[in-house]
């Protein structure tokens, strides 16, 4: 299992009064219904828009159903701007039982940031959500329905992936031929090398049961953009049921992806994932698979 390297400062979060408190563990029993993990790198401008929409929905849902409990974990992935400061204002406003900010000492990559948030979460279900707010937050209900439709869950494990595949025709019309070619090339590599049956592996809106999150993220090696592919590769190895659910999605300015170099890096990571598992350099626990 890949070790989780956590700096001493990353074992704590600041409560609303600015005092250090120890972060919980994914191994603990859940105390919330839903955890939302938001990886954030230099997101001081886009994060407030996403947080305002998400918290508006979550607070209204809690008002309608007082038994509903949630937490939002913002993971500042070594930002150079004021991301942590902006995020902490929400902690001060809503309290540290609902909003927690984890500030990483150095940039790990999106997958590494989400992994840190997942391992510090308290929810029965754990939602990954991007800081840009590209997916409308109420669509979490679609993912929740997708999870329910997969029941009974083997070993309480299931995953619902938000998907933009239904928007592909429209997006192709707006993209250059070069970017469209890169997209098709990446999708082919995903299918050929790693994950079959999932049309959109890269949508940042995914909902996992606590058990599925623990199982998959405990085995995850890739920490940058292609981590979603390895995550789903691991899930399929363990025969965790996966639903792909269409969600509303809008392209937001300020993406950290540089089209050519990011796709090239992801292509290398896909090859790396396949070769590492094929050669046995990375192994998944066969006993747990049989159980």
Protein backbone atom coordinates (compact mmCIF):
# COMPACT_ATOMS: atom_id res chain seq x y z
CA UNK A 1 0.00 0.00 0.00
CA UNK A 2 1.43 3.45 -0.86
CA UNK A 3 2.37 5.31 2.33
CA UNK A 4 0.63 8.59 3.15
CA UNK A 5 3.30 11.17 3.91
CA UNK A 6 1.78 13.85 6.09
CA UNK A 7 3.80 16.76 7.45
CA UNK A 8 3.29 17.56 11.13
CA UNK A 9 1.37 20.75 10.24
CA UNK A 10 -0.98 18.73 8.02
CA UNK A 11 -2.27 16.68 10.96
CA UNK A 12 -4.23 19.64 12.30
CA UNK A 13 -6.85 22.16 11.25
CA UNK A 14 -7.72 25.51 12.79
CA UNK A 15 -11.11 25.84 14.45
CA UNK A 16 -13.16 29.03 14.10
CA UNK A 17 -11.24 30.57 17.02
CA UNK A 18 -7.91 29.90 15.32
CA UNK A 19 -6.92 27.07 17.68
CA UNK A 20 -5.31 23.84 16.43
CA UNK A 21 -7.37 20.65 16.51
CA UNK A 22 -6.32 17.16 15.42
CA UNK A 23 -7.89 15.94 12.19
CA UNK A 24 -10.02 12.77 12.32
CA UNK A 25 -9.29 9.63 10.28
CA UNK A 26 -11.14 7.73 7.57
CA UNK A 27 -10.76 4.71 9.90
CA UNK A 28 -13.01 6.38 12.50
CA UNK A 29 -16.76 5.77 12.52
CA UNK A 30 -18.66 8.40 10.48
CA UNK A 31 -20.39 11.24 12.32
CA UNK A 32 -21.77 13.14 9.29
CA UNK A 33 -24.02 12.06 6.44
CA UNK A 34 -22.00 13.84 3.76
CA UNK A 35 -18.41 15.07 3.46
CA UNK A 36 -17.48 17.34 0.56
CA UNK A 37 -13.78 17.47 -0.32
CA UNK A 38 -12.73 20.50 -2.38
CA UNK A 39 -9.14 20.48 -3.71
CA UNK A 40 -7.97 24.07 -4.20
CA UNK A 41 -4.80 25.42 -5.78
CA UNK A 42 -4.59 29.21 -6.22
CA UNK A 43 -8.39 29.47 -6.07
CA UNK A 44 -8.87 32.71 -4.10
CA UNK A 45 -11.08 34.13 -6.88
CA UNK A 46 -13.14 31.11 -7.95
CA UNK A 47 -13.58 29.39 -4.57
CA UNK A 48 -16.06 31.92 -3.07
CA UNK A 49 -18.47 31.50 -6.00
CA UNK A 50 -18.46 27.73 -5.62
CA UNK A 51 -18.70 27.86 -1.81
CA UNK A 52 -21.60 30.32 -1.82
CA UNK A 53 -23.60 28.09 -4.17
CA UNK A 54 -22.72 24.87 -2.30
CA UNK A 55 -23.43 26.26 1.16
CA UNK A 56 -26.66 27.87 0.00
CA UNK A 57 -27.82 24.43 -1.12
CA UNK A 58 -26.49 22.55 1.94
CA UNK A 59 -27.93 24.99 4.47
CA UNK A 60 -31.33 24.97 2.77
CA UNK A 61 -31.30 21.16 2.67
CA UNK A 62 -30.49 21.07 6.37
CA UNK A 63 -33.30 23.53 7.07
CA UNK A 64 -35.74 21.28 5.19
CA UNK A 65 -34.35 18.14 6.86
CA UNK A 66 -32.76 18.81 10.29
CA UNK A 67 -31.40 15.25 10.40
CA UNK A 68 -29.13 16.01 7.41
CA UNK A 69 -25.53 16.69 8.46
CA UNK A 70 -22.55 17.71 6.35
CA UNK A 71 -19.01 19.04 6.36
CA UNK A 72 -16.96 20.79 3.68
CA UNK A 73 -13.21 20.12 3.70
CA UNK A 74 -11.22 22.61 1.63
CA UNK A 75 -7.73 21.32 0.91
CA UNK A 76 -5.35 24.12 -0.03
CA UNK A 77 -2.81 22.31 -2.20
CA UNK A 78 0.20 24.52 -1.45
CA UNK A 79 -1.32 27.65 -3.01
CA UNK A 80 0.76 30.76 -3.59
CA UNK A 81 -2.23 33.09 -3.18
CA UNK A 82 -4.73 33.67 -0.36
CA UNK A 83 -6.78 30.48 -0.86
CA UNK A 84 -6.48 29.33 2.78
CA UNK A 85 -7.35 32.79 4.08
CA UNK A 86 -10.43 33.01 1.85
CA UNK A 87 -11.50 29.48 2.85
CA UNK A 88 -11.00 30.17 6.56
CA UNK A 89 -13.54 33.01 6.41
CA UNK A 90 -16.20 30.36 5.72
CA UNK A 91 -14.98 28.40 8.74
CA UNK A 92 -15.40 31.53 10.87
CA UNK A 93 -18.88 32.15 9.47
CA UNK A 94 -20.29 28.61 9.62
CA UNK A 95 -18.08 27.04 12.33
CA UNK A 96 -15.36 24.41 12.12
CA UNK A 97 -17.82 21.54 12.58
CA UNK A 98 -19.13 22.34 9.09
CA UNK A 99 -16.14 23.94 7.35
CA UNK A 100 -12.55 22.77 7.73
CA UNK A 101 -9.45 23.98 5.93
CA UNK A 102 -6.41 21.76 5.48
CA UNK A 103 -3.36 23.66 4.23
CA UNK A 104 -0.73 21.43 2.62
CA UNK A 105 2.92 22.36 3.09
CA UNK A 106 3.68 21.87 -0.60
CA UNK A 107 1.75 21.18 -3.78
CA UNK A 108 0.89 17.49 -4.16
CA UNK A 109 -1.46 17.61 -7.13
CA UNK A 110 -5.23 17.30 -7.30
CA UNK A 111 -5.28 13.59 -6.46
CA UNK A 112 -2.94 14.06 -3.51
CA UNK A 113 -5.03 16.94 -2.16
CA UNK A 114 -8.29 14.96 -2.43
CA UNK A 115 -6.63 11.96 -0.78
CA UNK A 116 -5.64 14.13 2.21
CA UNK A 117 -9.21 15.44 2.48
CA UNK A 118 -10.78 11.99 2.16
CA UNK A 119 -8.50 10.58 4.86
CA UNK A 120 -9.62 13.41 7.20
CA UNK A 121 -13.35 13.15 6.49
CA UNK A 122 -16.23 12.16 8.77
CA UNK A 123 -18.99 11.42 6.25
CA UNK A 124 -20.93 8.24 5.50
CA UNK A 125 -20.64 9.39 1.88
CA UNK A 126 -17.80 11.46 0.46
CA UNK A 127 -18.21 13.84 -2.47
CA UNK A 128 -15.32 15.16 -4.56
CA UNK A 129 -16.15 18.61 -5.95
CA UNK A 130 -13.96 21.04 -7.90
CA UNK A 131 -13.33 24.54 -6.58
CA UNK A 132 -14.40 26.13 -9.88
CA UNK A 133 -18.07 25.23 -9.36
CA UNK A 134 -18.38 23.90 -12.91
CA UNK A 135 -20.96 21.33 -11.79
CA UNK A 136 -24.14 22.66 -10.24
CA UNK A 137 -24.13 21.53 -6.63
CA UNK A 138 -27.76 20.32 -6.37
CA UNK A 139 -26.73 17.58 -8.83
CA UNK A 140 -25.34 15.75 -5.79
CA UNK A 141 -28.91 14.43 -5.44
CA UNK A 142 -28.55 12.73 -8.84
CA UNK A 143 -25.38 11.02 -7.61
CA UNK A 144 -27.09 10.00 -4.37
CA UNK A 145 -29.90 8.41 -6.39
CA UNK A 146 -27.27 6.72 -8.58
CA UNK A 147 -25.72 5.19 -5.46
CA UNK A 148 -29.09 4.02 -4.14
CA UNK A 149 -29.87 2.37 -7.47
CA UNK A 150 -26.70 0.27 -7.13
CA UNK A 151 -27.90 -1.35 -3.89
CA UNK A 152 -27.24 -3.83 -2.41
CA UNK A 153 -23.64 -2.59 -2.12
CA UNK A 154 -20.99 -5.31 -1.72
CA UNK A 155 -19.14 -4.62 1.56
CA UNK A 156 -20.97 -1.26 1.67
CA UNK A 157 -18.95 -0.06 -1.34
CA UNK A 158 -20.30 1.90 -4.33
CA UNK A 159 -19.31 4.90 -6.47
CA UNK A 160 -21.39 7.36 -8.51
CA UNK A 161 -19.42 9.36 -11.09
CA UNK A 162 -20.71 12.61 -12.50
CA UNK A 163 -20.44 12.56 -16.28
CA UNK A 164 -20.21 15.15 -19.05
CA UNK A 165 -20.33 12.55 -21.83
CA UNK A 166 -23.82 13.72 -22.86
CA UNK A 167 -22.31 17.16 -23.60
CA UNK A 168 -19.57 15.81 -25.86
CA UNK A 169 -21.19 16.73 -29.19
CA UNK A 170 -21.69 20.31 -28.09
CA UNK A 171 -18.16 20.60 -26.67
CA UNK A 172 -16.59 19.26 -29.86
CA UNK A 173 -18.31 22.02 -31.82
CA UNK A 174 -16.64 24.60 -29.57
CA UNK A 175 -13.15 23.06 -29.51
CA UNK A 176 -10.31 23.27 -32.01
CA UNK A 177 -9.53 20.17 -34.08
CA UNK A 178 -6.28 19.78 -32.14
CA UNK A 179 -7.98 19.76 -28.74
CA UNK A 180 -10.66 17.38 -30.04
CA UNK A 181 -7.91 15.06 -31.30
CA UNK A 182 -6.20 15.17 -27.89
CA UNK A 183 -9.49 14.40 -26.16
CA UNK A 184 -10.23 11.37 -28.33
CA UNK A 185 -6.64 10.17 -27.94
CA UNK A 186 -6.88 10.39 -24.16
CA UNK A 187 -10.25 8.60 -24.07
CA UNK A 188 -8.81 5.81 -26.24
CA UNK A 189 -5.79 5.39 -23.94
CA UNK A 190 -8.06 5.28 -20.86
CA UNK A 191 -10.18 2.57 -22.50
CA UNK A 192 -7.24 0.61 -23.93
CA UNK A 193 -4.93 0.71 -20.90
CA UNK A 194 -6.99 1.09 -17.75
CA UNK A 195 -10.75 1.60 -17.45
CA UNK A 196 -13.54 0.22 -19.60
CA UNK A 197 -17.22 1.10 -19.42
CA UNK A 198 -16.86 4.66 -18.04
CA UNK A 199 -17.20 7.33 -20.74
CA UNK A 200 -16.05 10.28 -18.61
CA UNK A 201 -13.41 9.38 -16.04
CA UNK A 202 -12.24 12.97 -15.49
CA UNK A 203 -15.33 14.77 -14.20
CA UNK A 204 -14.43 16.16 -10.77
CA UNK A 205 -17.86 15.40 -9.27
CA UNK A 206 -17.79 11.90 -7.73
CA UNK A 207 -19.65 10.42 -4.77
CA UNK A 208 -18.27 7.42 -2.86
CA UNK A 209 -19.48 5.47 0.13
CA UNK A 210 -17.04 5.75 3.03
CA UNK A 211 -15.95 2.13 2.58
CA UNK A 212 -15.34 2.60 -1.16
CA UNK A 213 -13.33 5.78 -0.53
CA UNK A 214 -11.20 4.06 2.10
CA UNK A 215 -10.53 1.03 -0.12
CA UNK A 216 -9.67 2.94 -3.30
CA UNK A 217 -7.74 5.91 -1.89
CA UNK A 218 -5.69 3.60 0.37
CA UNK A 219 -4.34 1.95 -2.79
CA UNK A 220 -3.93 5.13 -4.87
CA UNK A 221 -0.45 6.07 -6.15
CA UNK A 222 -1.05 8.79 -8.77
CA UNK A 223 -1.42 12.23 -7.20
CA UNK A 224 -1.87 14.47 -10.23
CA UNK A 225 -4.44 14.82 -13.02
CA UNK A 226 -4.72 11.14 -14.01
CA UNK A 227 -5.54 10.02 -10.46
CA UNK A 228 -9.24 9.56 -11.41
CA UNK A 229 -8.26 6.83 -13.86
CA UNK A 230 -6.23 4.89 -11.31
CA UNK A 231 -9.03 5.35 -8.76
CA UNK A 232 -11.56 3.77 -11.13
CA UNK A 233 -9.05 1.10 -12.18
CA UNK A 234 -8.73 0.11 -8.50
CA UNK A 235 -12.52 0.21 -8.07
CA UNK A 236 -13.04 -2.11 -11.03
CA UNK A 237 -10.34 -4.48 -9.74
CA UNK A 238 -12.21 -4.78 -6.43
CA UNK A 239 -15.52 -5.10 -8.32
CA UNK A 240 -16.95 -2.01 -6.65
CA UNK A 241 -20.18 -1.11 -8.51
CA UNK A 242 -19.93 2.20 -10.40
CA UNK A 243 -22.77 4.33 -11.78
CA UNK A 244 -22.12 7.04 -14.38
CA UNK A 245 -24.62 9.87 -13.97
CA UNK A 246 -25.15 12.82 -16.33
CA UNK A 247 -24.67 16.17 -14.55
CA UNK A 248 -25.02 19.82 -15.51
CA UNK A 249 -21.62 21.27 -16.30
CA UNK A 250 -20.34 24.65 -17.44
CA UNK A 251 -16.77 25.44 -18.48
CA UNK A 252 -15.33 28.01 -16.07
CA UNK A 253 -12.42 30.30 -16.94
CA UNK A 254 -9.18 29.85 -15.03
CA UNK A 255 -8.54 26.12 -15.58
CA UNK A 256 -5.11 24.91 -14.40
CA UNK A 257 -4.94 22.47 -17.32
CA UNK A 258 -2.55 23.52 -20.10
CA UNK A 259 -4.09 21.64 -23.06
CA UNK A 260 -1.09 20.00 -24.74
CA UNK A 261 1.28 19.50 -21.79
CA UNK A 262 -1.44 18.38 -19.39
CA UNK A 263 -2.76 15.80 -21.85
CA UNK A 264 0.81 14.62 -22.49
CA UNK A 265 1.43 14.23 -18.75
CA UNK A 266 -1.85 12.35 -18.34
CA UNK A 267 -0.98 10.08 -21.27
CA UNK A 268 2.35 9.27 -19.63
CA UNK A 269 0.58 8.61 -16.32
CA UNK A 270 -1.86 6.20 -18.00
CA UNK A 271 1.02 4.22 -19.49
CA UNK A 272 2.77 4.37 -16.14
CA UNK A 273 -0.32 3.03 -14.31
CA UNK A 274 -0.69 0.12 -16.73
CA UNK A 275 2.99 -0.85 -16.72
CA UNK A 276 3.35 -0.58 -12.95
CA UNK A 277 0.41 -2.90 -12.30
CA UNK A 278 1.36 -5.21 -15.17
CA UNK A 279 4.92 -5.69 -13.91
CA UNK A 280 3.85 -6.06 -10.29
CA UNK A 281 5.64 -2.91 -9.14
CA UNK A 282 2.23 -1.86 -7.80
CA UNK A 283 -0.04 -4.57 -6.44
CA UNK A 284 -3.59 -4.66 -5.18
CA UNK A 285 -4.47 -6.91 -2.25
CA UNK A 286 -5.79 -10.14 -3.76
CA UNK A 287 -7.19 -11.36 -0.43
CA UNK A 288 -9.38 -8.29 -0.06
CA UNK A 289 -10.59 -8.80 -3.63
CA UNK A 290 -11.69 -12.36 -2.87
CA UNK A 291 -13.40 -11.26 0.34
